[in-house]
């Protein structure tokens, strides 16, 4: 398992930097703008990633929230306990996943509602014949029609939010020292590598969405909501006492803050 430890140390030197967390939101905006410009002004030929049935889309992006939760749940639990040795701190930090799930659920519901109230049902994607009697996308599709509305990109929202959230939680790796426990050290390294791999997939598929799918305004609003969800939690609410808090930076500091909040 030496190669796992070597890979984790290499990625830790790059992904856990505070500068990466500061610049990644701008990088995501850059990917969205650059990909959108390519789509509008210099469309690329169809590739494997432009097919919605590609493996990454079918088995990863469609279950992006599930993948993110399944890896962040053990990662936050193990690393935060390794740093603080305090179960209550770990439980408080795990509540950030409940917050994130609520944000995901509410935002996707709003996106669907906006598409319903701004759309109309047509006989085909050519939008030439309007079908009456269908007040929602679901009704339209069940009737064999094509619904055309303002479809805010759920992929742009979810992939940007997931990538930023993972990077924020990785900050704990600065202090998660389990060198005295080889088994725990391997577990932490394995989870860190899996989250790093997942982040690469999310950014790659975000760029694919920008290049091949949706109108610019749909991608822009989806990305904007993802960035606001990240900023509103990790850069605003989580800095306050009544919140899940940020990843702990050291045992003493974390314990002192937790005790003051009690």
Protein backbone atom coordinates (compact mmCIF):
# COMPACT_ATOMS: atom_id res chain seq x y z
CA UNK A 1 0.00 0.00 0.00
CA UNK A 2 3.01 2.27 -0.22
CA UNK A 3 1.84 3.68 -3.53
CA UNK A 4 -1.46 4.72 -1.88
CA UNK A 5 0.40 6.66 0.80
CA UNK A 6 2.66 8.25 -1.81
CA UNK A 7 -0.32 9.27 -3.96
CA UNK A 8 -2.17 10.70 -0.96
CA UNK A 9 0.85 12.76 0.09
CA UNK A 10 1.24 14.08 -3.45
CA UNK A 11 -2.42 15.10 -3.77
CA UNK A 12 -2.50 16.50 -0.26
CA UNK A 13 0.25 18.93 -1.20
CA UNK A 14 -1.97 20.31 -3.98
CA UNK A 15 -5.64 19.88 -3.12
CA UNK A 16 -5.55 20.78 0.57
CA UNK A 17 -4.00 24.20 0.03
CA UNK A 18 -6.07 27.17 1.15
CA UNK A 19 -5.19 28.86 -2.14
CA UNK A 20 -6.99 26.07 -4.01
CA UNK A 21 -10.15 26.63 -1.97
CA UNK A 22 -9.95 30.37 -2.62
CA UNK A 23 -9.42 30.10 -6.37
CA UNK A 24 -11.62 27.09 -7.19
CA UNK A 25 -14.89 29.12 -7.35
CA UNK A 26 -13.27 31.38 -9.95
CA UNK A 27 -11.94 28.32 -11.75
CA UNK A 28 -15.44 26.85 -11.90
CA UNK A 29 -16.80 30.12 -13.28
CA UNK A 30 -13.99 30.08 -15.84
CA UNK A 31 -14.86 26.53 -16.91
CA UNK A 32 -18.50 27.48 -17.32
CA UNK A 33 -17.76 30.64 -19.31
CA UNK A 34 -15.04 29.03 -21.43
CA UNK A 35 -17.10 25.93 -22.17
CA UNK A 36 -20.14 28.06 -23.03
CA UNK A 37 -18.11 30.18 -25.44
CA UNK A 38 -16.85 27.03 -27.15
CA UNK A 39 -20.42 25.74 -27.46
CA UNK A 40 -21.71 28.99 -28.95
CA UNK A 41 -18.81 30.10 -31.16
CA UNK A 42 -16.67 27.05 -31.93
CA UNK A 43 -18.73 23.90 -31.33
CA UNK A 44 -16.63 20.79 -30.89
CA UNK A 45 -17.44 17.57 -32.74
CA UNK A 46 -19.51 15.05 -30.85
CA UNK A 47 -17.46 12.88 -28.52
CA UNK A 48 -18.07 10.14 -26.00
CA UNK A 49 -18.72 12.73 -23.28
CA UNK A 50 -21.38 14.46 -25.40
CA UNK A 51 -23.44 11.26 -25.25
CA UNK A 52 -25.73 11.37 -22.20
CA UNK A 53 -25.40 7.59 -21.93
CA UNK A 54 -21.66 7.69 -21.28
CA UNK A 55 -20.47 5.74 -18.25
CA UNK A 56 -19.54 8.77 -16.16
CA UNK A 57 -22.95 10.36 -16.64
CA UNK A 58 -25.00 7.19 -16.13
CA UNK A 59 -23.14 5.77 -13.15
CA UNK A 60 -21.67 8.87 -11.49
CA UNK A 61 -23.37 12.17 -12.37
CA UNK A 62 -26.91 10.80 -12.11
CA UNK A 63 -26.05 9.68 -8.59
CA UNK A 64 -23.68 12.56 -7.81
CA UNK A 65 -25.29 13.45 -4.51
CA UNK A 66 -25.28 9.83 -3.36
CA UNK A 67 -21.60 9.36 -4.26
CA UNK A 68 -20.65 12.59 -2.50
CA UNK A 69 -22.55 11.70 0.68
CA UNK A 70 -21.31 8.10 0.77
CA UNK A 71 -17.68 9.27 0.78
CA UNK A 72 -17.99 12.44 2.86
CA UNK A 73 -19.90 10.69 5.65
CA UNK A 74 -17.05 8.33 6.65
CA UNK A 75 -14.38 10.88 5.74
CA UNK A 76 -15.78 13.58 8.04
CA UNK A 77 -16.43 11.04 10.80
CA UNK A 78 -12.94 9.53 10.80
CA UNK A 79 -10.84 12.64 10.16
CA UNK A 80 -12.75 14.95 12.50
CA UNK A 81 -12.58 12.41 15.31
CA UNK A 82 -8.88 11.86 14.60
CA UNK A 83 -8.29 15.59 15.12
CA UNK A 84 -10.69 16.40 17.98
CA UNK A 85 -11.26 13.07 19.79
CA UNK A 86 -14.72 14.48 20.53
CA UNK A 87 -17.83 12.61 19.36
CA UNK A 88 -20.07 15.67 19.83
CA UNK A 89 -17.84 17.73 17.56
CA UNK A 90 -18.03 14.97 14.94
CA UNK A 91 -21.84 14.83 15.15
CA UNK A 92 -22.07 18.59 14.85
CA UNK A 93 -19.84 18.53 11.78
CA UNK A 94 -21.84 15.69 10.24
CA UNK A 95 -24.92 17.89 10.43
CA UNK A 96 -23.36 19.85 7.55
CA UNK A 97 -24.35 16.92 5.34
CA UNK A 98 -27.98 17.35 6.41
CA UNK A 99 -27.73 21.04 5.57
CA UNK A 100 -26.23 20.26 2.17
CA UNK A 101 -28.91 17.64 1.46
CA UNK A 102 -31.64 20.16 2.30
CA UNK A 103 -30.03 22.71 -0.03
CA UNK A 104 -29.82 20.13 -2.83
CA UNK A 105 -33.45 19.06 -2.36
CA UNK A 106 -34.88 22.58 -2.19
CA UNK A 107 -32.85 23.93 -5.11
CA UNK A 108 -33.68 21.04 -7.46
CA UNK A 109 -37.34 21.40 -6.53
CA UNK A 110 -37.24 25.12 -7.33
CA UNK A 111 -35.52 24.40 -10.67
CA UNK A 112 -38.29 21.96 -11.61
CA UNK A 113 -40.98 24.44 -10.58
CA UNK A 114 -39.40 27.22 -12.65
CA UNK A 115 -39.29 24.92 -15.67
CA UNK A 116 -42.98 24.13 -15.18
CA UNK A 117 -44.20 27.73 -14.86
CA UNK A 118 -42.09 29.02 -17.77
CA UNK A 119 -42.74 26.19 -20.21
CA UNK A 120 -45.24 24.96 -22.76
CA UNK A 121 -45.95 21.58 -24.28
CA UNK A 122 -45.17 20.95 -27.95
CA UNK A 123 -45.67 18.00 -30.23
CA UNK A 124 -41.93 17.68 -30.91
CA UNK A 125 -38.59 19.31 -30.19
CA UNK A 126 -39.03 21.46 -33.30
CA UNK A 127 -41.52 23.51 -31.25
CA UNK A 128 -43.82 23.95 -34.23
CA UNK A 129 -47.11 22.59 -32.87
CA UNK A 130 -48.34 23.66 -29.43
CA UNK A 131 -50.30 21.07 -27.45
CA UNK A 132 -53.03 22.29 -25.13
CA UNK A 133 -54.12 20.80 -21.82
CA UNK A 134 -50.70 20.09 -20.33
CA UNK A 135 -49.77 22.31 -17.39
CA UNK A 136 -46.55 20.59 -16.33
CA UNK A 137 -43.54 18.84 -17.78
CA UNK A 138 -44.66 15.51 -16.34
CA UNK A 139 -48.11 15.74 -17.90
CA UNK A 140 -46.60 16.76 -21.22
CA UNK A 141 -44.15 13.87 -21.29
CA UNK A 142 -46.80 11.38 -20.25
CA UNK A 143 -48.88 12.60 -23.19
CA UNK A 144 -45.99 12.04 -25.60
CA UNK A 145 -45.15 15.73 -25.97
CA UNK A 146 -42.00 17.81 -25.61
CA UNK A 147 -41.85 20.35 -22.80
CA UNK A 148 -39.92 23.55 -23.46
CA UNK A 149 -39.22 25.82 -20.49
CA UNK A 150 -36.37 27.57 -18.70
CA UNK A 151 -34.38 24.52 -17.63
CA UNK A 152 -31.78 25.70 -15.09
CA UNK A 153 -28.87 23.29 -15.30
CA UNK A 154 -29.10 20.93 -12.35
CA UNK A 155 -25.76 19.44 -13.36
CA UNK A 156 -24.02 22.83 -13.24
CA UNK A 157 -25.48 23.47 -9.79
CA UNK A 158 -24.82 20.05 -8.28
CA UNK A 159 -21.35 19.39 -9.70
CA UNK A 160 -20.03 22.83 -8.72
CA UNK A 161 -21.52 22.59 -5.23
CA UNK A 162 -20.22 19.06 -4.64
CA UNK A 163 -16.70 19.89 -5.82
CA UNK A 164 -16.48 22.97 -3.59
CA UNK A 165 -17.91 21.17 -0.59
CA UNK A 166 -15.41 18.29 -0.93
CA UNK A 167 -12.48 20.71 -1.15
CA UNK A 168 -13.66 22.52 1.98
CA UNK A 169 -13.91 19.28 3.94
CA UNK A 170 -10.45 18.22 2.77
CA UNK A 171 -8.97 21.08 4.79
CA UNK A 172 -8.99 18.77 7.83
CA UNK A 173 -6.17 16.77 6.21
CA UNK A 174 -3.72 19.41 7.42
CA UNK A 175 -4.18 18.05 10.94
CA UNK A 176 -5.51 14.50 10.51
CA UNK A 177 -2.31 12.76 11.57
CA UNK A 178 -2.88 9.02 12.03
CA UNK A 179 0.72 7.91 11.50
CA UNK A 180 0.70 6.08 14.86
CA UNK A 181 -2.19 3.92 13.68
CA UNK A 182 -1.28 2.33 10.32
CA UNK A 183 -4.76 0.90 9.74
CA UNK A 184 -6.49 4.22 10.39
CA UNK A 185 -3.86 5.97 8.27
CA UNK A 186 -4.72 3.71 5.33
CA UNK A 187 -8.44 4.32 5.78
CA UNK A 188 -7.98 8.10 5.76
CA UNK A 189 -5.66 7.95 2.74
CA UNK A 190 -8.12 5.71 0.88
CA UNK A 191 -11.07 8.03 1.54
CA UNK A 192 -8.98 11.07 0.61
CA UNK A 193 -7.93 9.51 -2.70
CA UNK A 194 -11.52 8.48 -3.47
CA UNK A 195 -12.76 12.02 -2.82
CA UNK A 196 -9.94 13.46 -4.93
CA UNK A 197 -10.89 11.13 -7.79
CA UNK A 198 -14.55 12.09 -7.39
CA UNK A 199 -13.69 15.79 -7.50
CA UNK A 200 -11.83 15.30 -10.79
CA UNK A 201 -14.90 13.54 -12.22
CA UNK A 202 -17.23 16.32 -11.07
CA UNK A 203 -15.04 19.02 -12.63
CA UNK A 204 -14.63 17.04 -15.86
CA UNK A 205 -18.37 16.49 -16.19
CA UNK A 206 -19.04 20.12 -15.27
CA UNK A 207 -16.81 21.16 -18.19
CA UNK A 208 -18.59 18.62 -20.42
CA UNK A 209 -21.94 20.16 -19.46
CA UNK A 210 -20.61 23.63 -20.28
CA UNK A 211 -19.32 22.53 -23.70
CA UNK A 212 -22.15 20.32 -24.90
CA UNK A 213 -25.41 21.02 -23.04
CA UNK A 214 -27.87 23.78 -22.07
CA UNK A 215 -28.02 27.44 -23.02
CA UNK A 216 -25.61 29.89 -21.43
CA UNK A 217 -28.23 31.44 -19.13
CA UNK A 218 -29.31 28.01 -17.88
CA UNK A 219 -25.73 27.04 -17.04
CA UNK A 220 -24.97 30.45 -15.56
CA UNK A 221 -27.88 30.35 -13.11
CA UNK A 222 -27.17 26.72 -12.19
CA UNK A 223 -23.51 27.53 -11.46
CA UNK A 224 -24.46 30.72 -9.62
CA UNK A 225 -26.78 28.80 -7.28
CA UNK A 226 -24.02 26.25 -6.62
CA UNK A 227 -21.54 28.99 -5.76
CA UNK A 228 -24.06 30.80 -3.55
CA UNK A 229 -24.87 27.56 -1.71
CA UNK A 230 -21.14 27.06 -1.01
CA UNK A 231 -20.55 30.70 -0.03
CA UNK A 232 -23.63 30.94 2.16
CA UNK A 233 -22.54 27.91 4.20
CA UNK A 234 -18.73 27.63 4.29
CA UNK A 235 -17.95 31.33 3.92
CA UNK A 236 -20.78 32.77 6.01
CA UNK A 237 -23.06 30.58 8.17
CA UNK A 238 -20.44 28.00 9.22
CA UNK A 239 -18.33 30.82 10.70
CA UNK A 240 -21.06 31.51 13.29
CA UNK A 241 -21.57 29.66 16.61
CA UNK A 242 -24.99 28.19 15.75
CA UNK A 243 -23.87 26.13 12.77
CA UNK A 244 -22.16 22.84 11.91
CA UNK A 245 -18.87 24.75 11.85
CA UNK A 246 -15.84 24.40 9.63
CA UNK A 247 -13.47 21.40 9.56
CA UNK A 248 -11.32 21.47 12.73
CA UNK A 249 -7.82 22.84 12.40
CA UNK A 250 -6.32 21.46 15.60
CA UNK A 251 -7.39 19.50 18.65
CA UNK A 252 -7.00 22.34 21.14
CA UNK A 253 -8.59 24.98 18.95
CA UNK A 254 -11.52 22.76 18.05
CA UNK A 255 -12.17 21.78 21.66
CA UNK A 256 -11.97 25.38 22.87
CA UNK A 257 -14.42 26.60 20.23
CA UNK A 258 -16.82 23.74 20.96
CA UNK A 259 -16.73 24.39 24.69
CA UNK A 260 -17.39 28.11 24.19
CA UNK A 261 -20.41 27.33 22.00
CA UNK A 262 -21.84 25.15 24.74
